[in-house]
Protein backbone atom coordinates (compact mmCIF):
# COMPACT_ATOMS: atom_id res chain seq x y z
CA UNK A 1 -13.53 24.81 -20.95
CA UNK A 2 -16.76 24.31 -19.38
CA UNK A 3 -18.39 20.56 -19.99
CA UNK A 4 -17.93 17.18 -16.97
CA UNK A 5 -15.04 16.14 -19.07
CA UNK A 6 -13.05 16.64 -22.20
CA UNK A 7 -14.08 14.33 -24.82
CA UNK A 8 -11.29 16.12 -27.43
CA UNK A 9 -8.04 13.58 -27.74
CA UNK A 10 -5.50 14.93 -25.27
CA UNK A 11 -3.18 16.28 -25.28
CA UNK A 12 -0.10 16.68 -23.26
CA UNK A 13 3.24 17.42 -22.04
CA UNK A 14 5.52 15.43 -23.38
CA UNK A 15 4.04 12.39 -22.38
CA UNK A 16 2.52 13.70 -18.97
CA UNK A 17 -0.71 14.44 -19.35
CA UNK A 18 -2.34 17.39 -17.96
CA UNK A 19 -5.46 17.54 -16.21
CA UNK A 20 -7.90 20.02 -14.00
CA UNK A 21 -10.49 18.41 -11.44
CA UNK A 22 -13.22 21.36 -10.55
CA UNK A 23 -16.85 21.23 -10.15
CA UNK A 24 -17.25 24.67 -11.22
CA UNK A 25 -17.86 25.59 -14.25
CA UNK A 26 -16.06 28.46 -14.47
CA UNK A 27 -13.10 28.23 -12.40
CA UNK A 28 -11.94 24.63 -14.01
CA UNK A 29 -11.57 26.87 -17.74
CA UNK A 30 -9.99 29.10 -15.60
CA UNK A 31 -8.04 27.03 -14.47
CA UNK A 32 -7.86 24.93 -18.30
CA UNK A 33 -6.67 28.10 -19.40
CA UNK A 34 -3.87 28.57 -17.20
CA UNK A 35 -2.70 25.66 -18.42
CA UNK A 36 -2.36 26.69 -22.32
CA UNK A 37 -0.69 29.29 -22.01
CA UNK A 38 2.01 26.51 -22.13
CA UNK A 39 1.29 25.41 -25.07
CA UNK A 40 -0.06 22.01 -24.28
CA UNK A 41 -3.67 20.93 -23.77
CA UNK A 42 -5.60 20.02 -21.31
CA UNK A 43 -8.57 17.59 -20.31
CA UNK A 44 -10.88 19.07 -17.58
CA UNK A 45 -13.53 17.20 -15.27
CA UNK A 46 -16.35 18.20 -13.08
CA UNK A 47 -15.30 15.82 -10.35
CA UNK A 48 -12.88 13.17 -9.22
CA UNK A 49 -14.86 9.66 -10.47
CA UNK A 50 -15.13 11.66 -13.83
CA UNK A 51 -11.59 11.84 -14.11
CA UNK A 52 -11.37 8.53 -13.14
CA UNK A 53 -13.38 6.66 -14.90
CA UNK A 54 -11.87 8.58 -18.00
CA UNK A 55 -8.50 8.50 -17.75
CA UNK A 56 -6.08 5.12 -17.78
CA UNK A 57 -4.48 4.56 -14.16
CA UNK A 58 -1.17 3.66 -15.91
CA UNK A 59 -0.57 7.10 -17.46
CA UNK A 60 2.21 9.68 -16.20
CA UNK A 61 0.08 12.71 -15.35
CA UNK A 62 -0.62 15.79 -13.76
CA UNK A 63 -3.25 16.97 -11.79
CA UNK A 64 -4.58 20.28 -10.14
CA UNK A 65 -8.01 19.54 -8.07
CA UNK A 66 -9.42 23.67 -8.18
CA UNK A 67 -10.63 25.90 -5.32
CA UNK A 68 -14.02 25.43 -6.22
CA UNK A 69 -14.37 22.36 -3.05
CA UNK A 70 -12.95 22.63 0.84
CA UNK A 71 -9.52 21.65 1.10
CA UNK A 72 -10.84 18.98 3.76
CA UNK A 73 -13.15 16.91 1.61
CA UNK A 74 -10.20 18.27 -1.48
CA UNK A 75 -7.02 16.67 0.30
CA UNK A 76 -8.79 13.41 1.17
CA UNK A 77 -9.79 12.71 -2.33
CA UNK A 78 -6.10 14.30 -3.63
CA UNK A 79 -4.03 10.85 -0.91
CA UNK A 80 -6.61 8.35 -2.95
CA UNK A 81 -5.47 9.51 -6.45
CA UNK A 82 -2.20 9.27 -5.42
CA UNK A 83 -2.33 6.27 -3.44
CA UNK A 84 -4.04 4.27 -6.56
CA UNK A 85 -1.67 6.49 -8.80
CA UNK A 86 1.93 6.97 -8.01
CA UNK A 87 2.63 8.15 -11.43
CA UNK A 88 0.41 11.37 -11.05
CA UNK A 89 1.90 13.86 -9.04
CA UNK A 90 -1.28 16.27 -7.69
CA UNK A 91 -0.95 20.16 -7.13
CA UNK A 92 -3.81 21.98 -5.25
CA UNK A 93 -5.12 25.51 -5.52
CA UNK A 94 -7.35 27.26 -2.69
CA UNK A 95 -8.56 30.86 -2.07
CA UNK A 96 -6.61 30.57 0.78
CA UNK A 97 -3.39 29.33 1.30
CA UNK A 98 -2.54 28.46 5.69
CA UNK A 99 -0.26 26.95 6.85
CA UNK A 100 -2.08 24.25 8.18
CA UNK A 101 -3.96 22.99 4.71
CA UNK A 102 0.00 23.09 3.38
CA UNK A 103 1.27 20.99 5.98
CA UNK A 104 -2.05 18.70 6.19
CA UNK A 105 -1.84 18.72 1.73
CA UNK A 106 1.95 17.51 1.45
CA UNK A 107 1.29 14.51 3.95
CA UNK A 108 -1.35 13.73 1.48
CA UNK A 109 1.34 13.61 -1.11
CA UNK A 110 0.66 16.73 -2.59
CA UNK A 111 3.20 18.25 -4.27
CA UNK A 112 1.73 21.79 -4.57
CA UNK A 113 -0.04 24.06 -3.02
CA UNK A 114 -0.95 27.53 -4.56
CA UNK A 115 -3.16 30.44 -3.47
CA UNK A 116 -6.08 31.60 -6.50
CA UNK A 117 -4.94 34.80 -5.99
CA UNK A 118 -1.15 34.28 -6.54
CA UNK A 119 0.24 35.24 -9.92
CA UNK A 120 -0.06 32.93 -12.78
CA UNK A 121 3.28 32.96 -12.93
CA UNK A 122 3.08 31.19 -10.06
CA UNK A 123 0.71 28.36 -11.23
CA UNK A 124 2.65 27.49 -14.63
CA UNK A 125 5.26 27.22 -12.47
CA UNK A 126 4.21 24.93 -10.59
CA UNK A 127 2.80 22.96 -13.41
CA UNK A 128 5.99 22.69 -14.82
CA UNK A 129 8.39 21.42 -12.61
CA UNK A 130 4.91 18.71 -11.59
CA UNK A 131 5.96 17.61 -15.24
CA UNK A 132 9.63 17.47 -15.00
CA UNK A 133 9.49 15.67 -12.17
CA UNK A 134 6.69 13.10 -13.59
CA UNK A 135 8.95 12.85 -17.30
CA UNK A 136 12.58 12.61 -15.17
CA UNK A 137 10.28 9.97 -12.82
CA UNK A 138 8.77 7.63 -15.79
CA UNK A 139 12.91 7.49 -18.24
CA UNK A 140 14.28 6.10 -14.89
CA UNK A 141 11.41 4.13 -14.15
CA UNK A 142 13.08 1.26 -15.47
CA UNK A 143 17.19 1.76 -14.11
CA UNK A 144 15.45 2.63 -10.62
CA UNK A 145 12.77 0.39 -9.78
CA UNK A 146 13.15 -3.44 -8.87
CA UNK A 147 11.19 -6.28 -10.50
CA UNK A 148 7.51 -6.00 -10.56
CA UNK A 149 4.60 -7.21 -11.11
CA UNK A 150 3.32 -4.76 -14.85
CA UNK A 151 0.20 -2.19 -13.85
CA UNK A 152 -2.17 -5.03 -15.75
CA UNK A 153 -0.94 -8.31 -13.84
CA UNK A 154 -3.21 -9.03 -10.14
CA UNK A 155 -0.91 -7.80 -7.70
CA UNK A 156 0.50 -10.49 -5.03
CA UNK A 157 -0.78 -11.42 -1.83
CA UNK A 158 1.39 -12.01 1.06
CA UNK A 159 0.33 -13.28 4.35
CA UNK A 160 2.30 -13.09 7.22
CA UNK A 161 1.13 -15.94 9.32
CA UNK A 162 2.42 -18.30 12.70
CA UNK A 163 0.41 -19.60 15.75
CA UNK A 164 1.96 -18.09 18.57
CA UNK A 165 2.06 -14.63 20.24
CA UNK A 166 5.47 -12.77 20.41
CA UNK A 167 7.55 -14.43 17.44
CA UNK A 168 7.04 -11.14 16.15
CA UNK A 169 4.65 -11.32 13.48
CA UNK A 170 3.66 -7.54 13.13
CA UNK A 171 7.46 -6.50 12.52
CA UNK A 172 8.24 -8.72 10.02
CA UNK A 173 5.12 -7.38 7.58
CA UNK A 174 4.92 -4.37 9.01
CA UNK A 175 9.59 -4.10 7.80
CA UNK A 176 8.73 -6.17 4.69
CA UNK A 177 5.46 -4.38 3.63
CA UNK A 178 7.43 -1.21 3.49
CA UNK A 179 11.09 -2.76 1.74
CA UNK A 180 8.19 -3.16 -1.01
CA UNK A 181 7.19 -0.20 -0.99
CA UNK A 182 10.12 1.86 -0.99
CA UNK A 183 11.16 -1.27 -4.17
CA UNK A 184 8.54 -0.23 -6.25
CA UNK A 185 6.59 3.37 -7.15
CA UNK A 186 3.46 0.79 -7.56
CA UNK A 187 1.08 0.97 -4.71
CA UNK A 188 1.71 -1.86 -1.62
CA UNK A 189 -0.87 -2.15 1.07
CA UNK A 190 -0.28 -3.53 4.95
CA UNK A 191 -4.02 -4.90 5.49
CA UNK A 192 -4.43 -5.56 9.25
CA UNK A 193 -6.03 -9.22 10.34
CA UNK A 194 -5.64 -9.09 13.43
CA UNK A 195 -9.08 -8.12 14.11
CA UNK A 196 -8.86 -7.84 18.34
CA UNK A 197 -5.20 -6.86 18.56
CA UNK A 198 -4.89 -6.17 15.81
CA UNK A 199 -1.52 -3.13 16.40
CA UNK A 200 -0.42 -2.23 12.99
CA UNK A 201 -0.90 1.26 12.81
CA UNK A 202 0.45 1.59 15.91
CA UNK A 203 3.31 0.63 15.59
CA UNK A 204 3.52 3.10 12.28
CA UNK A 205 2.69 6.46 14.10
CA UNK A 206 -1.38 5.99 12.65
CA UNK A 207 -3.83 7.31 13.67
CA UNK A 208 -6.85 5.24 12.27
CA UNK A 209 -9.77 7.86 10.98
CA UNK A 210 -11.33 4.25 9.22
CA UNK A 211 -10.47 0.44 9.81
CA UNK A 212 -11.45 -2.60 7.86
CA UNK A 213 -14.88 -3.25 9.91
CA UNK A 214 -16.09 0.27 7.15
CA UNK A 215 -15.17 -1.43 4.23
CA UNK A 216 -16.60 -4.90 5.76
CA UNK A 217 -19.94 -2.89 6.16
CA UNK A 218 -20.00 -1.88 2.83
CA UNK A 219 -20.74 -5.34 1.52
CA UNK A 220 -21.57 -5.92 -1.99
CA UNK A 221 -20.69 -1.68 -2.77
CA UNK A 222 -17.92 -2.18 -2.22
CA UNK A 223 -15.72 -1.30 -4.98
CA UNK A 224 -11.63 0.54 -5.56
CA UNK A 225 -13.02 3.75 -5.50
CA UNK A 226 -14.29 3.85 -1.68
CA UNK A 227 -11.82 1.16 -0.69
CA UNK A 228 -9.01 3.52 -1.54
CA UNK A 229 -10.51 6.05 0.87
CA UNK A 230 -10.58 3.62 3.68
CA UNK A 231 -6.76 3.07 3.34
CA UNK A 232 -4.29 5.21 5.43
CA UNK A 233 -0.99 5.86 4.15
CA UNK A 234 2.08 5.82 6.13
CA UNK A 235 4.34 9.18 4.67
CA UNK A 236 7.73 8.30 5.14
CA UNK A 237 7.73 5.25 2.51
CA UNK A 238 4.02 5.69 0.77
CA UNK A 239 2.88 2.80 2.41
CA UNK A 240 -1.45 2.38 2.73
CA UNK A 241 -2.72 0.54 5.53
CA UNK A 242 -5.82 -1.06 5.90
CA UNK A 243 -5.62 -0.98 9.72
CA UNK A 244 -8.26 -2.56 11.92
CA UNK A 245 -10.95 -1.98 13.68
CA UNK A 246 -10.02 0.14 16.68
CA UNK A 247 -13.37 -1.73 18.48
CA UNK A 248 -12.01 -5.31 19.46
CA UNK A 249 -16.14 -5.91 19.06
CA UNK A 250 -15.91 -5.27 15.44
CA UNK A 251 -14.99 -8.14 14.76
CA UNK A 252 -17.23 -10.64 15.25
CA UNK A 253 -18.96 -8.68 12.58
CA UNK A 254 -16.33 -9.73 10.00
CA UNK A 255 -15.96 -12.81 7.89
CA UNK A 256 -14.37 -14.83 5.84
CA UNK A 257 -16.45 -13.17 2.75
CA UNK A 258 -15.47 -9.20 4.11
CA UNK A 259 -11.70 -10.40 3.71
CA UNK A 260 -11.90 -11.96 0.39
CA UNK A 261 -13.04 -9.06 -0.89
CA UNK A 262 -11.52 -6.36 0.30
CA UNK A 263 -8.01 -8.78 -0.97
CA UNK A 264 -9.84 -8.82 -4.62
CA UNK A 265 -10.29 -5.62 -4.49
CA UNK A 266 -6.60 -4.74 -3.82
CA UNK A 267 -5.54 -7.36 -6.25
CA UNK A 268 -6.85 -5.40 -8.76
CA UNK A 269 -5.57 -2.11 -7.73
CA UNK A 270 -2.27 -2.85 -5.87
CA UNK A 271 1.21 -4.28 -6.54
CA UNK A 272 1.90 -5.90 -3.09
CA UNK A 273 -0.99 -6.75 -0.88
CA UNK A 274 0.90 -7.94 2.96
CA UNK A 275 -1.37 -9.51 5.47
CA UNK A 276 -1.04 -9.87 8.90
CA UNK A 277 -2.84 -12.15 9.98
CA UNK A 278 -4.01 -13.41 13.59
CA UNK A 279 -2.78 -16.25 15.36
CA UNK A 280 -5.56 -18.88 14.90
CA UNK A 281 -6.98 -20.58 11.74
CA UNK A 282 -10.34 -18.34 12.24
CA UNK A 283 -11.89 -17.70 9.25
CA UNK A 284 -11.27 -14.10 8.09
CA UNK A 285 -7.15 -16.09 8.70
CA UNK A 286 -7.91 -18.84 6.51
CA UNK A 287 -9.48 -16.44 3.96
CA UNK A 288 -5.94 -14.85 3.59
CA UNK A 289 -4.36 -18.22 3.63
CA UNK A 290 -6.42 -19.34 0.73
CA UNK A 291 -6.30 -15.86 -1.10
CA UNK A 292 -2.20 -15.95 -1.06
CA UNK A 293 0.73 -15.95 -3.69
CA UNK A 294 2.49 -17.07 -0.93
CA UNK A 295 2.63 -17.69 2.93
CA UNK A 296 5.22 -16.94 5.27
CA UNK A 297 4.73 -19.11 8.29
CA UNK A 298 7.34 -17.55 11.57
CA UNK A 299 8.87 -19.50 13.88
CA UNK A 300 11.12 -18.39 16.71
CA UNK A 301 14.18 -20.92 18.12
CA UNK A 302 12.30 -22.60 20.80
CA UNK A 303 10.56 -25.18 21.16
CA UNK A 304 7.32 -24.17 21.90
CA UNK A 305 7.46 -21.85 18.65
CA UNK A 306 8.65 -24.71 16.07
CA UNK A 307 6.17 -26.19 17.91
CA UNK A 308 3.18 -24.45 16.83
CA UNK A 309 4.06 -24.02 13.53
CA UNK A 310 4.23 -27.60 12.47
CA UNK A 311 1.10 -28.36 13.98
CA UNK A 312 -0.25 -24.43 11.90
CA UNK A 313 1.64 -26.62 8.57
CA UNK A 314 -0.33 -30.55 9.05
CA UNK A 315 -3.36 -27.73 9.62
CA UNK A 316 -2.32 -25.84 6.60
CA UNK A 317 -2.37 -29.67 5.09
CA UNK A 318 -5.59 -30.86 6.57
CA UNK A 319 -7.54 -27.90 4.86
CA UNK A 320 -5.94 -27.56 1.51
CA UNK A 321 -3.75 -25.30 0.75
CA UNK A 322 -0.74 -25.67 -1.41
CA UNK A 323 3.01 -26.03 0.34
CA UNK A 324 4.54 -24.61 -2.91
CA UNK A 325 2.93 -21.17 -1.66
CA UNK A 326 4.89 -21.45 1.32
CA UNK A 327 7.76 -19.67 2.62
CA UNK A 328 9.85 -20.62 6.38
CA UNK A 329 10.68 -17.12 8.41
CA UNK A 330 12.77 -18.04 11.18
CA UNK A 331 13.23 -15.08 13.06
CA UNK A 332 16.10 -14.20 15.36
CA UNK A 333 17.78 -16.88 14.44
CA UNK A 334 21.29 -15.72 15.53
CA UNK A 335 19.65 -16.66 19.16
CA UNK A 336 22.08 -18.94 21.13
CA UNK A 337 19.45 -20.97 22.77
CA UNK A 338 20.60 -25.08 22.30
CA UNK A 339 18.79 -25.70 19.59
CA UNK A 340 20.11 -23.92 15.41
CA UNK A 341 18.88 -22.92 12.16
CA UNK A 342 18.92 -26.42 11.01
CA UNK A 343 16.94 -28.07 13.90
CA UNK A 344 14.57 -25.59 13.06
CA UNK A 345 14.01 -27.55 9.45
CA UNK A 346 14.18 -30.88 10.63
CA UNK A 347 11.22 -29.44 13.82
CA UNK A 348 9.39 -28.39 9.90
CA UNK A 349 11.02 -30.80 8.01
CA UNK A 350 10.93 -27.07 4.98
CA UNK A 351 14.55 -25.56 4.74
CA UNK A 352 14.43 -21.90 5.92
CA UNK A 353 13.80 -19.15 3.47
CA UNK A 354 14.45 -15.92 5.45
CA UNK A 355 16.39 -15.47 9.32
CA UNK A 356 16.34 -12.47 10.29
CA UNK A 357 18.76 -11.95 13.24
CA UNK A 358 17.81 -11.14 17.03
CA UNK A 359 19.18 -7.04 17.05
CA UNK A 360 17.95 -4.94 19.79
CA UNK A 361 17.65 -2.08 17.22
CA UNK A 362 13.90 -3.85 16.52
CA UNK A 363 12.37 -3.80 19.53
CA UNK A 364 13.52 0.02 19.36
CA UNK A 365 11.99 0.51 16.34
CA UNK A 366 8.97 -0.77 17.56
CA UNK A 367 9.04 1.72 20.57
CA UNK A 368 9.25 4.33 18.14
CA UNK A 369 7.42 3.84 16.12
CA UNK A 370 9.64 3.67 12.77
CA UNK A 371 10.39 0.19 10.62
CA UNK A 372 13.87 -0.63 11.31
CA UNK A 373 14.68 -0.45 6.93
CA UNK A 374 13.74 3.10 7.61
CA UNK A 375 15.46 3.63 11.23
CA UNK A 376 18.68 1.86 10.76
CA UNK A 377 18.83 0.64 6.56
CA UNK A 378 22.12 -0.95 6.82
CA UNK A 379 21.52 -3.16 10.32
CA UNK A 380 21.41 -6.66 10.27
CA UNK A 381 17.76 -7.55 10.14
CA UNK A 382 16.82 -4.68 7.76
CA UNK A 383 18.64 -6.30 5.05
CA UNK A 384 17.57 -9.78 5.85
CA UNK A 385 14.17 -8.26 5.28
CA UNK A 386 15.14 -6.40 1.48
CA UNK A 387 16.53 -9.73 0.62
CA UNK A 388 12.89 -11.33 2.16
CA UNK A 389 11.31 -8.30 -0.55
CA UNK A 390 13.86 -9.10 -3.43
CA UNK A 391 13.28 -13.53 -3.08
CA UNK A 392 9.05 -12.25 -3.57
CA UNK A 393 9.21 -9.44 -5.60
CA UNK A 394 11.76 -11.46 -8.34
CA UNK A 395 9.63 -14.94 -7.65
CA UNK A 396 7.09 -15.97 -10.90
CA UNK A 397 3.07 -14.68 -9.58
CA UNK A 398 0.57 -17.69 -9.17
CA UNK A 399 -1.06 -18.51 -11.70
CA UNK A 400 -5.19 -18.41 -11.33
CA UNK A 401 -5.07 -21.92 -10.95
CA UNK A 402 -2.20 -22.80 -9.07
CA UNK A 403 -3.90 -20.31 -5.83
CA UNK A 404 -6.98 -22.84 -6.45
CA UNK A 405 -5.71 -26.08 -6.14
CA UNK A 406 -5.28 -28.25 -2.94
């Protein structure tokens, strides 16, 4: 099979589609022949673009990346594929298998790496294991995956907002995003829209190789393929992250239209998009609030925090943002400072939708760069975040009309 992409009917192992991606005709044909030894069909593609253009992203499958391109070029492609096609497993074939290549590949989400000089049986075993794993995962999806949007539904945007620093906004956004990522096999992305002071990547121990600034620079050229290459991946949870600019001055080059475009593309590709906003009503923050299906307004049990939250709510009313999208998240709700949850509800004239307890584990998790929902899943804080995530996942998706209403 030497054509760029097979046009015959797709054959597959059970319901698992087997695909081969390699730019070299000969190599691609040899790999395809290996798969045929499993008495199953295979479809071959010259590059990842041909694969993504020709296949259904909701279809489970195994993708074999050939060795003709260097691992440095292939691994980012694989990471992007897995990010937006979580129902696919990827196998890499390399000319030389080193510890460094293996480590990078596994971090990117590759399930197996096979040297081209290895016995044919090793590649066949890797394909068989991957196919069995995908089949088993698909069989258990209904029983094990929490409710979420279907593959054809637009993603749900959740903007986390407050008008006062120090309320734990980023901590909540990160833990909520990780909790959502652990509850669904569909892509979940965290967007750091605090353009000047965002530290989401740092708090997740991620090194930003690309940021939201590059997405903005792409302008109208931005599409799903380009955007997925800008996303970082948090290996422990599978969460995707679009980092804030590493240079605060870059924030001046990013406008409302840029953020709107980014969120629109992500909505088409991801089940949940959590946006960590800045503590002001700048254009970028306004875009995140206007696009949101859910707005988590944060406050703590102190007079200044509650006053700022009330002013923020009044401003949203003036801007025409529907209160039906707002959920009141009270952080450090068990702190004994002379104010109660009831006092907070009276101050904002809103019912508390989520009360998150104060816990020393939160500060420790920030210093360690490990979210509480991962490091201490049985803690009261983690359970509160899980409950918030569950409520957001089971909420009826907002319609386009409700997003545009005022």
